[in-house]
Amino acid sequence: MLDKFVTSMATIRVISGSIEIVAALIMLKLGRVDKALAVNSMLAFVGPTVLLLTTAIGLAGMADKLSWGKLIWICCGISCLLIGILKK
């Protein structure tokens, strides 16, 4: 039997990948750069959202095994990633 946290994380990643594939197919169907760019822009929130969700689920699954110090370091790392991704 699989761990419920691992199953949840994998499910979110499969959904995310499916959204990316559907977006690529939509871009091909639209056939215009401006419309494809608009579809691509709508995907901009999917990546960070999936990162946060899967990390939160993973941390919830490991919370009893990690010290507060390690949790703080993990949160700092995630903050740095988000700042790097979302900073204009």
PDB file of N, CA and C in Angstrom:
ATOM      1  N   MET A   1       0.845  -1.194   0.000  1.00  0.00           N
ATOM      2  CA  MET A   1       0.000   0.000   0.000  1.00  0.00           C
ATOM      3  C   MET A   1       0.884   1.250   0.000  1.00  0.00           C
ATOM      4  N   LEU A   2       0.561   2.186  -0.847  1.00  0.00           N
ATOM      5  CA  LEU A   2       1.337   3.412  -0.952  1.00  0.00           C
ATOM      6  C   LEU A   2       0.984   4.389   0.165  1.00  0.00           C
ATOM      7  N   ASP A   3       1.952   5.179   0.514  1.00  0.00           N
ATOM      8  CA  ASP A   3       1.750   6.229   1.506  1.00  0.00           C
ATOM      9  C   ASP A   3       0.795   7.276   0.942  1.00  0.00           C
ATOM     10  N   LYS A   4      -0.139   7.743   1.776  1.00  0.00           N
ATOM     11  CA  LYS A   4      -1.135   8.709   1.283  1.00  0.00           C
ATOM     12  C   LYS A   4      -0.505  10.032   0.878  1.00  0.00           C
ATOM     13  N   PHE A   5       0.604  10.411   1.523  1.00  0.00           N
ATOM     14  CA  PHE A   5       1.278  11.653   1.157  1.00  0.00           C
ATOM     15  C   PHE A   5       1.950  11.524  -0.203  1.00  0.00           C
ATOM     16  N   VAL A   6       2.592  10.390  -0.447  1.00  0.00           N
ATOM     17  CA  VAL A   6       3.245  10.157  -1.735  1.00  0.00           C
ATOM     18  C   VAL A   6       2.202  10.100  -2.849  1.00  0.00           C
ATOM     19  N   THR A   7       1.098   9.417  -2.587  1.00  0.00           N
ATOM     20  CA  THR A   7       0.020   9.325  -3.568  1.00  0.00           C
ATOM     21  C   THR A   7      -0.533  10.711  -3.904  1.00  0.00           C
ATOM     22  N   SER A   8      -0.726  11.531  -2.889  1.00  0.00           N
ATOM     23  CA  SER A   8      -1.239  12.893  -3.118  1.00  0.00           C
ATOM     24  C   SER A   8      -0.261  13.721  -3.935  1.00  0.00           C
ATOM     25  N   MET A   9       1.024  13.645  -3.576  1.00  0.00           N
ATOM     26  CA  MET A   9       2.036  14.410  -4.307  1.00  0.00           C
ATOM     27  C   MET A   9       2.107  13.966  -5.764  1.00  0.00           C
ATOM     28  N   ALA A  10       2.086  12.660  -6.002  1.00  0.00           N
ATOM     29  CA  ALA A  10       2.156  12.142  -7.368  1.00  0.00           C
ATOM     30  C   ALA A  10       0.912  12.532  -8.166  1.00  0.00           C
ATOM     31  N   THR A  11      -0.240  12.491  -7.529  1.00  0.00           N
ATOM     32  CA  THR A  11      -1.483  12.857  -8.211  1.00  0.00           C
ATOM     33  C   THR A  11      -1.449  14.318  -8.660  1.00  0.00           C
ATOM     34  N   ILE A  12      -0.974  15.182  -7.793  1.00  0.00           N
ATOM     35  CA  ILE A  12      -0.875  16.602  -8.149  1.00  0.00           C
ATOM     36  C   ILE A  12       0.082  16.787  -9.322  1.00  0.00           C
ATOM     37  N   ARG A  13       1.199  16.058  -9.318  1.00  0.00           N
ATOM     38  CA  ARG A  13       2.162  16.163 -10.418  1.00  0.00           C
ATOM     39  C   ARG A  13       1.580  15.626 -11.732  1.00  0.00           C
ATOM     40  N   VAL A  14       0.813  14.559 -11.674  1.00  0.00           N
ATOM     41  CA  VAL A  14       0.175  14.023 -12.885  1.00  0.00           C
ATOM     42  C   VAL A  14      -0.830  15.032 -13.437  1.00  0.00           C
ATOM     43  N   ILE A  15      -1.616  15.630 -12.551  1.00  0.00           N
ATOM     44  CA  ILE A  15      -2.578  16.656 -12.983  1.00  0.00           C
ATOM     45  C   ILE A  15      -1.850  17.838 -13.606  1.00  0.00           C
ATOM     46  N   SER A  16      -0.762  18.263 -12.971  1.00  0.00           N
ATOM     47  CA  SER A  16       0.026  19.376 -13.497  1.00  0.00           C
ATOM     48  C   SER A  16       0.578  19.050 -14.879  1.00  0.00           C
ATOM     49  N   GLY A  17       1.122  17.849 -15.037  1.00  0.00           N
ATOM     50  CA  GLY A  17       1.646  17.438 -16.333  1.00  0.00           C
ATOM     51  C   GLY A  17       0.560  17.374 -17.390  1.00  0.00           C
ATOM     52  N   SER A  18      -0.619  16.914 -16.997  1.00  0.00           N
ATOM     53  CA  SER A  18      -1.750  16.848 -17.932  1.00  0.00           C
ATOM     54  C   SER A  18      -2.172  18.242 -18.377  1.00  0.00           C
ATOM     55  N   ILE A  19      -2.165  19.180 -17.455  1.00  0.00           N
ATOM     56  CA  ILE A  19      -2.494  20.570 -17.801  1.00  0.00           C
ATOM     57  C   ILE A  19      -1.480  21.105 -18.806  1.00  0.00           C
ATOM     58  N   GLU A  20      -0.204  20.804 -18.611  1.00  0.00           N
ATOM     59  CA  GLU A  20       0.845  21.264 -19.533  1.00  0.00           C
ATOM     60  C   GLU A  20       0.649  20.668 -20.926  1.00  0.00           C
ATOM     61  N   ILE A  21       0.330  19.374 -20.981  1.00  0.00           N
ATOM     62  CA  ILE A  21       0.130  18.721 -22.278  1.00  0.00           C
ATOM     63  C   ILE A  21      -1.085  19.300 -22.992  1.00  0.00           C
ATOM     64  N   VAL A  22      -2.171  19.505 -22.265  1.00  0.00           N
ATOM     65  CA  VAL A  22      -3.374  20.092 -22.859  1.00  0.00           C
ATOM     66  C   VAL A  22      -3.070  21.500 -23.371  1.00  0.00           C
ATOM     67  N   ALA A  23      -2.321  22.258 -22.609  1.00  0.00           N
ATOM     68  CA  ALA A  23      -1.959  23.614 -23.043  1.00  0.00           C
ATOM     69  C   ALA A  23      -1.131  23.566 -24.332  1.00  0.00           C
ATOM     70  N   ALA A  24      -0.210  22.612 -24.432  1.00  0.00           N
ATOM     71  CA  ALA A  24       0.594  22.482 -25.654  1.00  0.00           C
ATOM     72  C   ALA A  24      -0.291  22.139 -26.847  1.00  0.00           C
ATOM     73  N   LEU A  25      -1.252  21.259 -26.648  1.00  0.00           N
ATOM     74  CA  LEU A  25      -2.171  20.909 -27.732  1.00  0.00           C
ATOM     75  C   LEU A  25      -3.033  22.102 -28.148  1.00  0.00           C
ATOM     76  N   ILE A  26      -3.456  22.879 -27.166  1.00  0.00           N
ATOM     77  CA  ILE A  26      -4.234  24.091 -27.471  1.00  0.00           C
ATOM     78  C   ILE A  26      -3.387  25.067 -28.281  1.00  0.00           C
ATOM     79  N   MET A  27      -2.111  25.221 -27.892  1.00  0.00           N
ATOM     80  CA  MET A  27      -1.218  26.110 -28.644  1.00  0.00           C
ATOM     81  C   MET A  27      -1.098  25.662 -30.097  1.00  0.00           C
ATOM     82  N   LEU A  28      -0.939  24.348 -30.280  1.00  0.00           N
ATOM     83  CA  LEU A  28      -0.837  23.828 -31.646  1.00  0.00           C
ATOM     84  C   LEU A  28      -2.122  24.064 -32.436  1.00  0.00           C
ATOM     85  N   LYS A  29      -3.252  23.894 -31.783  1.00  0.00           N
ATOM     86  CA  LYS A  29      -4.539  24.100 -32.462  1.00  0.00           C
ATOM     87  C   LYS A  29      -4.744  25.568 -32.827  1.00  0.00           C
ATOM     88  N   LEU A  30      -4.353  26.471 -31.920  1.00  0.00           N
ATOM     89  CA  LEU A  30      -4.529  27.898 -32.195  1.00  0.00           C
ATOM     90  C   LEU A  30      -3.634  28.352 -33.343  1.00  0.00           C
ATOM     91  N   GLY A  31      -2.409  27.849 -33.382  1.00  0.00           N
ATOM     92  CA  GLY A  31      -1.525  28.107 -34.510  1.00  0.00           C
ATOM     93  C   GLY A  31      -1.023  29.523 -34.669  1.00  0.00           C
ATOM     94  N   ARG A  32      -1.196  30.348 -33.691  1.00  0.00           N
ATOM     95  CA  ARG A  32      -0.714  31.735 -33.765  1.00  0.00           C
ATOM     96  C   ARG A  32       0.145  32.027 -32.550  1.00  0.00           C
ATOM     97  N   VAL A  33       1.223  32.742 -32.780  1.00  0.00           N
ATOM     98  CA  VAL A  33       2.172  33.024 -31.709  1.00  0.00           C
ATOM     99  C   VAL A  33       1.526  33.830 -30.590  1.00  0.00           C
ATOM    100  N   ASP A  34       0.751  34.833 -30.930  1.00  0.00           N
ATOM    101  CA  ASP A  34       0.166  35.682 -29.887  1.00  0.00           C
ATOM    102  C   ASP A  34      -0.794  34.887 -28.992  1.00  0.00           C
ATOM    103  N   LYS A  35      -1.585  34.017 -29.577  1.00  0.00           N
ATOM    104  CA  LYS A  35      -2.515  33.216 -28.778  1.00  0.00           C
ATOM    105  C   LYS A  35      -1.777  32.135 -27.988  1.00  0.00           C
ATOM    106  N   ALA A  36      -0.745  31.558 -28.588  1.00  0.00           N
ATOM    107  CA  ALA A  36       0.059  30.562 -27.876  1.00  0.00           C
ATOM    108  C   ALA A  36       0.766  31.202 -26.684  1.00  0.00           C
ATOM    109  N   LEU A  37       1.218  32.417 -26.853  1.00  0.00           N
ATOM    110  CA  LEU A  37       1.861  33.138 -25.755  1.00  0.00           C
ATOM    111  C   LEU A  37       0.874  33.416 -24.633  1.00  0.00           C
ATOM    112  N   ALA A  38      -0.369  33.715 -24.991  1.00  0.00           N
ATOM    113  CA  ALA A  38      -1.404  33.942 -23.979  1.00  0.00           C
ATOM    114  C   ALA A  38      -1.671  32.669 -23.182  1.00  0.00           C
ATOM    115  N   VAL A  39      -1.748  31.528 -23.869  1.00  0.00           N
ATOM    116  CA  VAL A  39      -1.944  30.245 -23.183  1.00  0.00           C
ATOM    117  C   VAL A  39      -0.754  29.967 -22.275  1.00  0.00           C
ATOM    118  N   ASN A  40       0.445  30.204 -22.779  1.00  0.00           N
ATOM    119  CA  ASN A  40       1.659  30.004 -21.992  1.00  0.00           C
ATOM    120  C   ASN A  40       1.669  30.897 -20.752  1.00  0.00           C
ATOM    121  N   SER A  41       1.192  32.106 -20.892  1.00  0.00           N
ATOM    122  CA  SER A  41       1.146  33.032 -19.764  1.00  0.00           C
ATOM    123  C   SER A  41       0.186  32.557 -18.683  1.00  0.00           C
ATOM    124  N   MET A  42      -0.905  31.916 -19.101  1.00  0.00           N
ATOM    125  CA  MET A  42      -1.858  31.397 -18.117  1.00  0.00           C
ATOM    126  C   MET A  42      -1.258  30.256 -17.291  1.00  0.00           C
ATOM    127  N   LEU A  43      -0.260  29.590 -17.842  1.00  0.00           N
ATOM    128  CA  LEU A  43       0.402  28.502 -17.125  1.00  0.00           C
ATOM    129  C   LEU A  43       1.391  29.006 -16.070  1.00  0.00           C
ATOM    130  N   ALA A  44       1.650  30.298 -16.063  1.00  0.00           N
ATOM    131  CA  ALA A  44       2.673  30.849 -15.174  1.00  0.00           C
ATOM    132  C   ALA A  44       2.381  30.603 -13.695  1.00  0.00           C
ATOM    133  N   PHE A  45       1.116  30.478 -13.329  1.00  0.00           N
ATOM    134  CA  PHE A  45       0.796  30.254 -11.925  1.00  0.00           C
ATOM    135  C   PHE A  45       0.761  28.773 -11.565  1.00  0.00           C
ATOM    136  N   VAL A  46       0.724  27.901 -12.564  1.00  0.00           N
ATOM    137  CA  VAL A  46       0.614  26.462 -12.296  1.00  0.00           C
ATOM    138  C   VAL A  46       1.880  25.932 -11.627  1.00  0.00           C
ATOM    139  N   GLY A  47       3.042  26.271 -12.160  1.00  0.00           N
ATOM    140  CA  GLY A  47       4.310  25.756 -11.619  1.00  0.00           C
ATOM    141  C   GLY A  47       4.529  26.072 -10.151  1.00  0.00           C
ATOM    142  N   PRO A  48       4.493  27.346  -9.769  1.00  0.00           N
ATOM    143  CA  PRO A  48       4.682  27.667  -8.353  1.00  0.00           C
ATOM    144  C   PRO A  48       3.605  27.087  -7.441  1.00  0.00           C
ATOM    145  N   THR A  49       2.378  27.023  -7.944  1.00  0.00           N
ATOM    146  CA  THR A  49       1.292  26.459  -7.144  1.00  0.00           C
ATOM    147  C   THR A  49       1.536  24.976  -6.879  1.00  0.00           C
ATOM    148  N   VAL A  50       1.941  24.255  -7.913  1.00  0.00           N
ATOM    149  CA  VAL A  50       2.223  22.825  -7.761  1.00  0.00           C
ATOM    150  C   VAL A  50       3.417  22.628  -6.821  1.00  0.00           C
ATOM    151  N   LEU A  51       4.435  23.460  -6.969  1.00  0.00           N
ATOM    152  CA  LEU A  51       5.598  23.387  -6.076  1.00  0.00           C
ATOM    153  C   LEU A  51       5.176  23.547  -4.626  1.00  0.00           C
ATOM    154  N   LEU A  52       4.371  24.557  -4.352  1.00  0.00           N
ATOM    155  CA  LEU A  52       3.930  24.807  -2.973  1.00  0.00           C
ATOM    156  C   LEU A  52       3.062  23.671  -2.435  1.00  0.00           C
ATOM    157  N   LEU A  53       2.132  23.197  -3.246  1.00  0.00           N
ATOM    158  CA  LEU A  53       1.240  22.130  -2.791  1.00  0.00           C
ATOM    159  C   LEU A  53       1.993  20.842  -2.506  1.00  0.00           C
ATOM    160  N   THR A  54       2.836  20.413  -3.442  1.00  0.00           N
ATOM    161  CA  THR A  54       3.550  19.159  -3.239  1.00  0.00           C
ATOM    162  C   THR A  54       4.537  19.260  -2.081  1.00  0.00           C
ATOM    163  N   THR A  55       5.183  20.410  -1.937  1.00  0.00           N
ATOM    164  CA  THR A  55       6.111  20.596  -0.818  1.00  0.00           C
ATOM    165  C   THR A  55       5.365  20.594   0.505  1.00  0.00           C
ATOM    166  N   ALA A  56       4.224  21.264   0.545  1.00  0.00           N
ATOM    167  CA  ALA A  56       3.431  21.296   1.783  1.00  0.00           C
ATOM    168  C   ALA A  56       2.966  19.894   2.177  1.00  0.00           C
ATOM    169  N   ILE A  57       2.528  19.116   1.196  1.00  0.00           N
ATOM    170  CA  ILE A  57       2.092  17.751   1.483  1.00  0.00           C
ATOM    171  C   ILE A  57       3.275  16.909   1.962  1.00  0.00           C
ATOM    172  N   GLY A  58       4.393  17.048   1.282  1.00  0.00           N
ATOM    173  CA  GLY A  58       5.595  16.309   1.684  1.00  0.00           C
ATOM    174  C   GLY A  58       6.055  16.669   3.088  1.00  0.00           C
ATOM    175  N   LEU A  59       6.034  17.949   3.393  1.00  0.00           N
ATOM    176  CA  LEU A  59       6.429  18.389   4.742  1.00  0.00           C
ATOM    177  C   LEU A  59       5.446  17.900   5.801  1.00  0.00           C
ATOM    178  N   ALA A  60       4.164  17.880   5.455  1.00  0.00           N
ATOM    179  CA  ALA A  60       3.173  17.365   6.394  1.00  0.00           C
ATOM    180  C   ALA A  60       3.439  15.892   6.679  1.00  0.00           C
ATOM    181  N   GLY A  61       3.858  15.158   5.651  1.00  0.00           N
ATOM    182  CA  GLY A  61       4.160  13.749   5.828  1.00  0.00           C
ATOM    183  C   GLY A  61       5.425  13.498   6.621  1.00  0.00           C
ATOM    184  N   MET A  62       6.339  14.458   6.601  1.00  0.00           N
ATOM    185  CA  MET A  62       7.612  14.301   7.311  1.00  0.00           C
ATOM    186  C   MET A  62       7.699  15.126   8.592  1.00  0.00           C
ATOM    187  N   ALA A  63       6.648  15.818   8.931  1.00  0.00           N
ATOM    188  CA  ALA A  63       6.699  16.766  10.049  1.00  0.00           C
ATOM    189  C   ALA A  63       7.175  16.121  11.353  1.00  0.00           C
ATOM    190  N   ASP A  64       6.790  14.890  11.590  1.00  0.00           N
ATOM    191  CA  ASP A  64       7.196  14.240  12.833  1.00  0.00           C
ATOM    192  C   ASP A  64       8.660  13.800  12.815  1.00  0.00           C
ATOM    193  N   LYS A  65       9.298  13.809  11.623  1.00  0.00           N
ATOM    194  CA  LYS A  65      10.686  13.362  11.491  1.00  0.00           C
ATOM    195  C   LYS A  65      11.678  14.512  11.387  1.00  0.00           C
ATOM    196  N   LEU A  66      11.190  15.728  11.226  1.00  0.00           N
ATOM    197  CA  LEU A  66      12.074  16.887  11.040  1.00  0.00           C
ATOM    198  C   LEU A  66      12.070  17.779  12.277  1.00  0.00           C
ATOM    199  N   SER A  67      13.228  18.323  12.549  1.00  0.00           N
ATOM    200  CA  SER A  67      13.319  19.282  13.654  1.00  0.00           C
ATOM    201  C   SER A  67      12.826  20.644  13.171  1.00  0.00           C
ATOM    202  N   TRP A  68      12.546  21.527  14.119  1.00  0.00           N
ATOM    203  CA  TRP A  68      12.104  22.880  13.758  1.00  0.00           C
ATOM    204  C   TRP A  68      13.173  23.604  12.953  1.00  0.00           C
ATOM    205  N   GLY A  69      14.427  23.371  13.285  1.00  0.00           N
ATOM    206  CA  GLY A  69      15.525  24.008  12.550  1.00  0.00           C
ATOM    207  C   GLY A  69      15.537  23.617  11.085  1.00  0.00           C
ATOM    208  N   LYS A  70      15.343  22.316  10.817  1.00  0.00           N
ATOM    209  CA  LYS A  70      15.310  21.854   9.426  1.00  0.00           C
ATOM    210  C   LYS A  70      14.090  22.396   8.689  1.00  0.00           C
ATOM    211  N   LEU A  71      12.954  22.452   9.372  1.00  0.00           N
ATOM    212  CA  LEU A  71      11.754  23.018   8.743  1.00  0.00           C
ATOM    213  C   LEU A  71      11.967  24.482   8.368  1.00  0.00           C
ATOM    214  N   ILE A  72      12.639  25.226   9.224  1.00  0.00           N
ATOM    215  CA  ILE A  72      12.926  26.636   8.934  1.00  0.00           C
ATOM    216  C   ILE A  72      13.833  26.744   7.710  1.00  0.00           C
ATOM    217  N   TRP A  73      14.872  25.889   7.618  1.00  0.00           N
ATOM    218  CA  TRP A  73      15.762  25.906   6.458  1.00  0.00           C
ATOM    219  C   TRP A  73      15.005  25.559   5.176  1.00  0.00           C
ATOM    220  N   ILE A  74      14.108  24.592   5.251  1.00  0.00           N
ATOM    221  CA  ILE A  74      13.315  24.218   4.081  1.00  0.00           C
ATOM    222  C   ILE A  74      12.434  25.388   3.649  1.00  0.00           C
ATOM    223  N   CYS A  75      11.798  26.049   4.593  1.00  0.00           N
ATOM    224  CA  CYS A  75      10.953  27.210   4.271  1.00  0.00           C
ATOM    225  C   CYS A  75      11.772  28.340   3.665  1.00  0.00           C
ATOM    226  N   CYS A  76      12.983  28.551   4.173  1.00  0.00           N
ATOM    227  CA  CYS A  76      13.867  29.571   3.593  1.00  0.00           C
ATOM    228  C   CYS A  76      14.219  29.226   2.151  1.00  0.00           C
ATOM    229  N   GLY A  77      14.494  27.950   1.893  1.00  0.00           N
ATOM    230  CA  GLY A  77      14.820  27.514   0.533  1.00  0.00           C
ATOM    231  C   GLY A  77      13.655  27.708  -0.422  1.00  0.00           C
ATOM    232  N   ILE A  78      12.470  27.354   0.031  1.00  0.00           N
ATOM    233  CA  ILE A  78      11.277  27.536  -0.809  1.00  0.00           C
ATOM    234  C   ILE A  78      11.036  29.020  -1.066  1.00  0.00           C
ATOM    235  N   SER A  79      11.245  29.842  -0.046  1.00  0.00           N
ATOM    236  CA  SER A  79      11.085  31.296  -0.223  1.00  0.00           C
ATOM    237  C   SER A  79      12.060  31.820  -1.266  1.00  0.00           C
ATOM    238  N   CYS A  80      13.314  31.365  -1.213  1.00  0.00           N
ATOM    239  CA  CYS A  80      14.285  31.802  -2.198  1.00  0.00           C
ATOM    240  C   CYS A  80      13.874  31.379  -3.611  1.00  0.00           C
ATOM    241  N   LEU A  81      13.381  30.151  -3.755  1.00  0.00           N
ATOM    242  CA  LEU A  81      12.909  29.694  -5.074  1.00  0.00           C
ATOM    243  C   LEU A  81      11.777  30.585  -5.584  1.00  0.00           C
ATOM    244  N   LEU A  82      10.818  30.863  -4.734  1.00  0.00           N
ATOM    245  CA  LEU A  82       9.671  31.674  -5.164  1.00  0.00           C
ATOM    246  C   LEU A  82      10.086  33.096  -5.496  1.00  0.00           C
ATOM    247  N   ILE A  83      10.988  33.663  -4.715  1.00  0.00           N
ATOM    248  CA  ILE A  83      11.480  35.007  -5.019  1.00  0.00           C
ATOM    249  C   ILE A  83      12.176  35.013  -6.378  1.00  0.00           C
ATOM    250  N   GLY A  84      12.988  33.982  -6.632  1.00  0.00           N
ATOM    251  CA  GLY A  84      13.675  33.889  -7.905  1.00  0.00           C
ATOM    252  C   GLY A  84      12.743  33.701  -9.082  1.00  0.00           C
ATOM    253  N   ILE A  85      11.668  32.945  -8.863  1.00  0.00           N
ATOM    254  CA  ILE A  85      10.716  32.671  -9.942  1.00  0.00           C
ATOM    255  C   ILE A  85       9.795  33.876 -10.185  1.00  0.00           C
ATOM    256  N   LEU A  86       9.302  34.464  -9.132  1.00  0.00           N
ATOM    257  CA  LEU A  86       8.249  35.475  -9.256  1.00  0.00           C
ATOM    258  C   LEU A  86       8.760  36.908  -9.289  1.00  0.00           C
ATOM    259  N   LYS A  87      10.018  37.131  -8.958  1.00  0.00           N
ATOM    260  CA  LYS A  87      10.572  38.506  -8.932  1.00  0.00           C
ATOM    261  C   LYS A  87      10.606  39.068 -10.356  1.00  0.00           C
ATOM    262  N   LYS A  88      10.152  40.286 -10.507  1.00  0.00           N
ATOM    263  CA  LYS A  88      10.121  40.918 -11.833  1.00  0.00           C
ATOM    264  C   LYS A  88      11.403  41.610 -12.147  1.00  0.00           C
TER     265      LYS A  88
END
